[in-house]
Protein backbone atom coordinates (compact mmCIF):
# COMPACT_ATOMS: atom_id res chain seq x y z
CA MET A 1 138.09 109.73 62.01
CA ARG A 2 135.53 111.82 63.80
CA LYS A 3 136.61 113.46 67.04
CA ALA A 4 133.58 112.03 68.86
CA ASP A 5 134.64 108.51 67.86
CA CYS A 6 138.15 108.92 69.28
CA GLU A 7 137.64 110.12 72.85
CA GLN A 8 136.56 106.88 74.51
CA PRO A 9 139.13 104.66 72.77
CA ILE A 10 141.97 107.05 73.65
CA LYS A 11 140.90 107.18 77.29
CA SER A 12 140.56 103.40 77.46
CA LEU A 13 143.89 102.80 75.72
CA ALA A 14 145.60 105.26 78.08
CA ILE A 15 144.43 103.22 81.04
CA ASP A 16 145.54 99.98 79.36
CA TRP A 17 148.92 101.49 78.48
CA ARG A 18 149.53 102.70 82.02
CA THR A 19 149.26 99.13 83.32
CA THR A 20 152.41 98.32 81.33
CA LEU A 21 154.46 100.94 83.21
CA THR A 22 156.50 100.63 86.38
CA GLY A 23 158.03 102.95 88.95
CA ALA A 24 158.48 106.59 87.98
CA GLN A 25 156.96 105.98 84.54
CA TYR A 26 153.75 104.82 86.23
CA GLU A 27 153.72 107.79 88.60
CA HIS A 28 154.39 110.35 85.86
CA PRO A 29 153.05 108.94 82.57
CA SER A 30 154.16 110.72 79.41
CA PHE A 31 151.69 111.53 76.66
CA TYR A 32 154.52 111.33 74.11
CA ALA A 33 155.46 107.82 75.28
CA PHE A 34 151.76 106.93 75.01
CA LYS A 35 151.68 108.26 71.43
CA ASP A 36 154.69 106.08 70.58
CA TRP A 37 152.90 103.07 72.07
CA LEU A 38 149.76 103.84 70.06
CA LYS A 39 151.82 103.95 66.89
CA LEU A 40 153.58 100.69 67.76
CA LYS A 41 150.26 98.94 68.42
CA GLY A 42 148.57 100.36 65.30
CA TYR A 43 146.10 102.57 67.19
CA ASP A 44 147.53 105.90 66.05
CA GLY A 45 144.51 106.39 63.77
CA TYR A 46 142.68 107.60 66.87
CA LEU A 47 144.94 110.65 66.79
CA ASN A 48 143.69 111.57 63.31
CA PHE A 49 140.76 113.91 63.78
CA ARG A 50 140.08 117.58 63.25
CA SER A 51 140.11 120.08 66.06
CA PRO A 52 140.56 123.85 66.07
CA VAL A 53 143.32 123.52 68.68
CA GLY A 54 144.89 120.42 67.15
CA ALA A 55 144.27 116.72 67.66
CA ASP A 56 147.35 116.25 69.87
CA TYR A 57 146.16 118.90 72.32
CA ILE A 58 142.73 117.31 72.66
CA ALA A 59 144.12 113.77 72.82
CA GLU A 60 146.52 114.84 75.57
CA LEU A 61 143.61 116.35 77.50
CA TRP A 62 141.71 113.05 77.23
CA PHE A 63 144.88 111.20 78.27
CA ASP A 64 145.19 113.44 81.34
CA GLN A 65 141.51 113.00 82.20
CA ALA A 66 141.73 109.22 81.94
CA LEU A 67 144.80 109.08 84.17
CA GLY A 68 143.64 111.71 86.67
CA GLN A 69 146.31 114.24 85.72
CA THR A 70 144.21 117.31 84.98
CA TRP A 71 145.36 119.14 88.12
CA PRO A 72 148.45 120.70 86.42
CA ARG A 73 146.36 122.25 83.62
């Protein structure tokens, strides 16, 4: 997939995924748990794109942006 085609779906799916969480999981969402959920739902193809710093790094950045977690970066 092209990187440009993955950003919006990953951000949207991160928001959808977060609605399934409760308590501490909701307050502190894990990118790795999100990746597992993507794989389970068959959306892990959105993590297959080229990037000089690696697809996981960029996808985690998008995940953080979507969930308002960019402050620790």
